[in-house]
């Protein structure tokens, strides 16, 4: 089972933060976000909502992103030519993927 997370509203596609799925997190990196620290910083002071409607804090979202479940395989390899990258074990993509 997977869970999508959004900024401000659980139906805000423009604010899609990423998806927790199969033991790891895939993050959406909008233009201008080029590191985990930048991604985490843009969460501060914002409302973070799971698709089911529950809210998490910025610190909880960071913890969700970096926590791995060893029972599952790792994320796929990044497509560097498409601007994807891995930072702190999190795959960051530039395109919509839900």
N, C-alpha and C. Protein backbone atom coordinates (compact mmCIF):
# COMPACT_ATOMS: atom_id res chain seq x y z
N UNK A 1 0.85 -1.18 0.00
CA UNK A 1 0.00 0.00 0.00
C UNK A 1 0.89 1.23 0.00
N UNK A 2 0.46 2.27 -0.71
CA UNK A 2 1.25 3.49 -0.79
C UNK A 2 0.43 4.66 -0.24
N UNK A 3 1.16 5.71 0.15
CA UNK A 3 0.52 6.93 0.64
C UNK A 3 1.20 8.12 -0.01
N UNK A 4 0.40 8.97 -0.64
CA UNK A 4 0.88 10.22 -1.21
C UNK A 4 0.77 11.34 -0.19
N UNK A 5 1.70 12.27 -0.23
CA UNK A 5 1.71 13.42 0.67
C UNK A 5 1.73 14.70 -0.15
N UNK A 6 1.01 15.72 0.36
CA UNK A 6 0.84 16.98 -0.36
C UNK A 6 1.04 18.16 0.57
N UNK A 7 1.40 19.30 -0.02
CA UNK A 7 1.43 20.56 0.71
C UNK A 7 0.05 21.18 0.66
N UNK A 8 -0.44 21.64 1.79
CA UNK A 8 -1.64 22.47 1.92
C UNK A 8 -2.97 21.76 1.77
N UNK A 9 -3.08 20.74 0.92
CA UNK A 9 -4.35 20.07 0.70
C UNK A 9 -4.10 18.69 0.10
N UNK A 10 -4.94 17.72 0.42
CA UNK A 10 -4.72 16.38 -0.13
C UNK A 10 -5.21 16.23 -1.56
N UNK A 11 -5.66 17.31 -2.19
CA UNK A 11 -6.00 17.25 -3.62
C UNK A 11 -5.23 18.32 -4.39
N UNK A 12 -4.04 18.68 -3.91
CA UNK A 12 -3.22 19.71 -4.51
C UNK A 12 -2.11 19.07 -5.33
N UNK A 13 -2.38 18.75 -6.60
CA UNK A 13 -1.37 18.09 -7.42
C UNK A 13 -0.11 18.92 -7.56
N UNK A 14 -0.25 20.23 -7.60
CA UNK A 14 0.93 21.10 -7.70
C UNK A 14 1.80 21.01 -6.45
N UNK A 15 1.21 20.65 -5.32
CA UNK A 15 1.94 20.53 -4.08
C UNK A 15 2.29 19.10 -3.71
N UNK A 16 2.34 18.22 -4.70
CA UNK A 16 2.65 16.81 -4.42
C UNK A 16 4.08 16.70 -3.90
N UNK A 17 4.25 16.20 -2.69
CA UNK A 17 5.57 16.05 -2.07
C UNK A 17 6.22 14.73 -2.41
N UNK A 18 5.42 13.69 -2.53
CA UNK A 18 5.97 12.38 -2.81
C UNK A 18 5.08 11.26 -2.34
N UNK A 19 5.63 10.04 -2.45
CA UNK A 19 4.85 8.85 -2.13
C UNK A 19 5.70 7.87 -1.34
N UNK A 20 5.13 7.39 -0.25
CA UNK A 20 5.73 6.30 0.53
C UNK A 20 5.16 5.01 -0.04
N UNK A 21 6.03 4.15 -0.54
CA UNK A 21 5.58 2.92 -1.17
C UNK A 21 6.64 1.84 -1.06
N UNK A 22 6.23 0.63 -0.82
CA UNK A 22 7.13 -0.53 -0.77
C UNK A 22 8.39 -0.29 0.05
N UNK A 23 8.24 0.33 1.20
CA UNK A 23 9.35 0.47 2.12
C UNK A 23 10.28 1.63 1.89
N UNK A 24 9.98 2.48 0.92
CA UNK A 24 10.82 3.64 0.69
C UNK A 24 9.97 4.82 0.23
N UNK A 25 10.59 5.99 0.11
CA UNK A 25 9.89 7.22 -0.26
C UNK A 25 10.46 7.75 -1.57
N UNK A 26 9.59 8.12 -2.49
CA UNK A 26 9.97 8.80 -3.73
C UNK A 26 9.46 10.23 -3.60
N UNK A 27 10.37 11.18 -3.73
CA UNK A 27 10.01 12.59 -3.53
C UNK A 27 9.89 13.32 -4.86
N UNK A 28 8.96 14.24 -4.92
CA UNK A 28 8.80 15.13 -6.07
C UNK A 28 9.68 16.34 -5.83
N UNK A 29 10.58 16.62 -6.74
CA UNK A 29 11.49 17.77 -6.62
C UNK A 29 11.12 18.82 -7.65
N UNK A 30 10.39 19.85 -7.24
CA UNK A 30 10.07 20.91 -8.20
C UNK A 30 11.34 21.65 -8.62
N UNK A 31 11.25 22.41 -9.69
CA UNK A 31 12.40 23.20 -10.14
C UNK A 31 12.91 24.05 -8.98
N UNK A 32 14.22 24.13 -8.85
CA UNK A 32 14.83 24.90 -7.77
C UNK A 32 15.15 24.08 -6.54
N UNK A 33 14.62 22.88 -6.46
CA UNK A 33 14.92 21.97 -5.35
C UNK A 33 15.93 20.96 -5.87
N UNK A 34 17.16 21.05 -5.36
CA UNK A 34 18.23 20.20 -5.86
C UNK A 34 18.94 19.40 -4.78
N UNK A 35 18.34 19.33 -3.59
CA UNK A 35 18.94 18.54 -2.51
C UNK A 35 17.86 18.18 -1.49
N UNK A 36 18.19 17.21 -0.67
CA UNK A 36 17.26 16.83 0.40
C UNK A 36 17.04 18.01 1.34
N UNK A 37 18.11 18.71 1.69
CA UNK A 37 17.98 19.85 2.61
C UNK A 37 17.07 20.93 2.07
N UNK A 38 17.16 21.23 0.78
CA UNK A 38 16.26 22.22 0.17
C UNK A 38 14.82 21.74 0.20
N UNK A 39 14.61 20.46 -0.10
CA UNK A 39 13.27 19.88 -0.09
C UNK A 39 12.68 19.97 1.32
N UNK A 40 13.49 19.58 2.33
CA UNK A 40 13.02 19.61 3.72
C UNK A 40 12.73 21.04 4.16
N UNK A 41 13.55 21.99 3.75
CA UNK A 41 13.36 23.39 4.15
C UNK A 41 12.04 23.95 3.60
N UNK A 42 11.64 23.53 2.42
CA UNK A 42 10.39 24.08 1.87
C UNK A 42 9.14 23.50 2.52
N UNK A 43 9.33 22.55 3.45
CA UNK A 43 8.21 22.03 4.23
C UNK A 43 7.88 22.90 5.45
N UNK A 44 8.87 23.62 5.94
CA UNK A 44 8.71 24.39 7.17
C UNK A 44 7.59 25.41 7.06
N UNK A 45 6.75 25.41 8.09
CA UNK A 45 5.64 26.35 8.15
C UNK A 45 4.48 26.03 7.22
N UNK A 46 4.53 24.88 6.58
CA UNK A 46 3.47 24.49 5.65
C UNK A 46 2.63 23.37 6.24
N UNK A 47 1.41 23.27 5.79
CA UNK A 47 0.52 22.18 6.16
C UNK A 47 0.84 21.00 5.25
N UNK A 48 1.10 19.83 5.84
CA UNK A 48 1.43 18.63 5.08
C UNK A 48 0.32 17.61 5.33
N UNK A 49 -0.29 17.15 4.23
CA UNK A 49 -1.48 16.31 4.33
C UNK A 49 -1.30 15.04 3.51
N UNK A 50 -1.61 13.90 4.12
CA UNK A 50 -1.63 12.63 3.40
C UNK A 50 -2.90 12.57 2.56
N UNK A 51 -2.88 11.74 1.55
CA UNK A 51 -4.05 11.65 0.67
C UNK A 51 -5.32 11.26 1.40
N UNK A 52 -5.18 10.55 2.51
CA UNK A 52 -6.35 10.15 3.29
C UNK A 52 -6.84 11.26 4.22
N UNK A 53 -6.09 12.37 4.30
CA UNK A 53 -6.55 13.52 5.06
C UNK A 53 -5.84 13.80 6.37
N UNK A 54 -5.04 12.85 6.87
CA UNK A 54 -4.36 13.13 8.13
C UNK A 54 -3.15 14.04 7.88
N UNK A 55 -2.79 14.82 8.88
CA UNK A 55 -1.70 15.77 8.76
C UNK A 55 -0.46 15.27 9.49
N UNK A 56 0.70 15.65 8.98
CA UNK A 56 1.97 15.37 9.64
C UNK A 56 2.77 16.67 9.71
N UNK A 57 3.69 16.73 10.66
CA UNK A 57 4.56 17.90 10.78
C UNK A 57 5.70 17.77 9.77
N UNK A 58 6.44 18.86 9.60
CA UNK A 58 7.61 18.83 8.72
C UNK A 58 8.63 17.81 9.21
N UNK A 59 8.85 17.76 10.52
CA UNK A 59 9.79 16.78 11.07
C UNK A 59 9.33 15.35 10.83
N UNK A 60 8.03 15.11 10.96
CA UNK A 60 7.49 13.77 10.69
C UNK A 60 7.64 13.42 9.21
N UNK A 61 7.44 14.40 8.32
CA UNK A 61 7.58 14.15 6.89
C UNK A 61 9.02 13.78 6.54
N UNK A 62 9.97 14.46 7.14
CA UNK A 62 11.39 14.14 6.93
C UNK A 62 11.67 12.73 7.41
N UNK A 63 11.15 12.36 8.56
CA UNK A 63 11.35 11.01 9.09
C UNK A 63 10.71 9.96 8.17
N UNK A 64 9.53 10.24 7.67
CA UNK A 64 8.86 9.33 6.73
C UNK A 64 9.74 9.15 5.48
N UNK A 65 10.32 10.23 5.01
CA UNK A 65 11.13 10.18 3.78
C UNK A 65 12.39 9.35 3.94
N UNK A 66 13.06 9.45 5.09
CA UNK A 66 14.36 8.78 5.24
C UNK A 66 14.26 7.38 5.85
N UNK A 67 13.11 7.00 6.37
CA UNK A 67 12.95 5.69 6.99
C UNK A 67 12.78 4.61 5.91
N UNK A 68 13.62 3.58 6.00
CA UNK A 68 13.56 2.48 5.05
C UNK A 68 13.06 1.23 5.74
N UNK A 69 12.36 0.42 4.99
CA UNK A 69 11.93 -0.88 5.48
C UNK A 69 12.75 -1.93 4.75
N UNK A 70 13.63 -2.59 5.47
CA UNK A 70 14.57 -3.53 4.86
C UNK A 70 13.90 -4.77 4.26
N UNK A 71 12.63 -4.98 4.55
CA UNK A 71 11.93 -6.14 3.98
C UNK A 71 11.64 -5.96 2.50
N UNK A 72 11.78 -4.72 2.00
CA UNK A 72 11.46 -4.41 0.61
C UNK A 72 12.72 -4.02 -0.14
N UNK A 73 12.70 -4.16 -1.44
CA UNK A 73 13.84 -3.76 -2.25
C UNK A 73 13.94 -2.23 -2.28
N UNK A 74 15.09 -1.77 -2.68
CA UNK A 74 15.34 -0.33 -2.75
C UNK A 74 14.60 0.26 -3.95
N UNK A 75 14.58 1.59 -4.01
CA UNK A 75 13.94 2.26 -5.14
C UNK A 75 14.71 1.99 -6.42
N UNK A 76 14.12 2.29 -7.53
CA UNK A 76 14.79 2.11 -8.81
C UNK A 76 15.95 3.10 -8.94
N UNK A 77 16.78 2.91 -9.92
CA UNK A 77 17.89 3.82 -10.17
C UNK A 77 17.37 5.15 -10.70
N UNK A 78 18.04 6.24 -10.35
CA UNK A 78 17.60 7.54 -10.87
C UNK A 78 17.89 7.69 -12.35
N UNK A 79 17.04 8.42 -13.03
CA UNK A 79 17.25 8.75 -14.45
C UNK A 79 17.88 10.14 -14.48
N UNK A 80 19.19 10.17 -14.40
CA UNK A 80 19.91 11.43 -14.27
C UNK A 80 19.63 12.38 -15.43
N UNK A 81 19.45 11.82 -16.62
CA UNK A 81 19.19 12.65 -17.80
C UNK A 81 17.85 13.38 -17.70
N UNK A 82 16.97 12.93 -16.80
CA UNK A 82 15.68 13.58 -16.58
C UNK A 82 15.69 14.46 -15.32
N UNK A 83 16.88 14.68 -14.77
CA UNK A 83 17.00 15.53 -13.59
C UNK A 83 16.75 14.82 -12.27
N UNK A 84 16.61 13.50 -12.30
CA UNK A 84 16.40 12.75 -11.07
C UNK A 84 17.71 12.62 -10.31
N UNK A 85 17.60 12.48 -9.00
CA UNK A 85 18.79 12.31 -8.17
C UNK A 85 18.42 11.60 -6.88
N UNK A 86 19.42 11.09 -6.17
CA UNK A 86 19.23 10.44 -4.88
C UNK A 86 20.01 11.24 -3.84
N UNK A 87 19.36 11.57 -2.74
CA UNK A 87 20.01 12.26 -1.63
C UNK A 87 19.45 11.68 -0.34
N UNK A 88 20.33 11.27 0.57
CA UNK A 88 19.97 10.63 1.84
C UNK A 88 19.10 9.39 1.64
N UNK A 89 19.33 8.70 0.54
CA UNK A 89 18.59 7.47 0.26
C UNK A 89 17.21 7.68 -0.33
N UNK A 90 16.86 8.93 -0.63
CA UNK A 90 15.55 9.26 -1.19
C UNK A 90 15.71 9.55 -2.67
N UNK A 91 14.88 8.90 -3.50
CA UNK A 91 14.86 9.17 -4.94
C UNK A 91 14.02 10.42 -5.18
N UNK A 92 14.60 11.41 -5.84
CA UNK A 92 13.88 12.63 -6.20
C UNK A 92 13.63 12.63 -7.70
N UNK A 93 12.39 12.88 -8.09
CA UNK A 93 12.01 12.94 -9.50
C UNK A 93 11.43 14.31 -9.80
N UNK A 94 11.49 14.71 -11.06
CA UNK A 94 10.99 16.04 -11.47
C UNK A 94 9.59 15.95 -12.09
N UNK A 95 9.14 14.77 -12.42
CA UNK A 95 7.85 14.59 -13.10
C UNK A 95 6.79 14.07 -12.13
N UNK A 96 5.56 14.19 -12.52
CA UNK A 96 4.46 13.64 -11.72
C UNK A 96 4.45 12.13 -11.90
N UNK A 97 4.17 11.39 -10.86
CA UNK A 97 4.26 9.94 -10.95
C UNK A 97 3.12 9.21 -10.28
N UNK A 98 2.06 9.87 -9.90
CA UNK A 98 0.93 9.19 -9.25
C UNK A 98 -0.15 8.85 -10.24
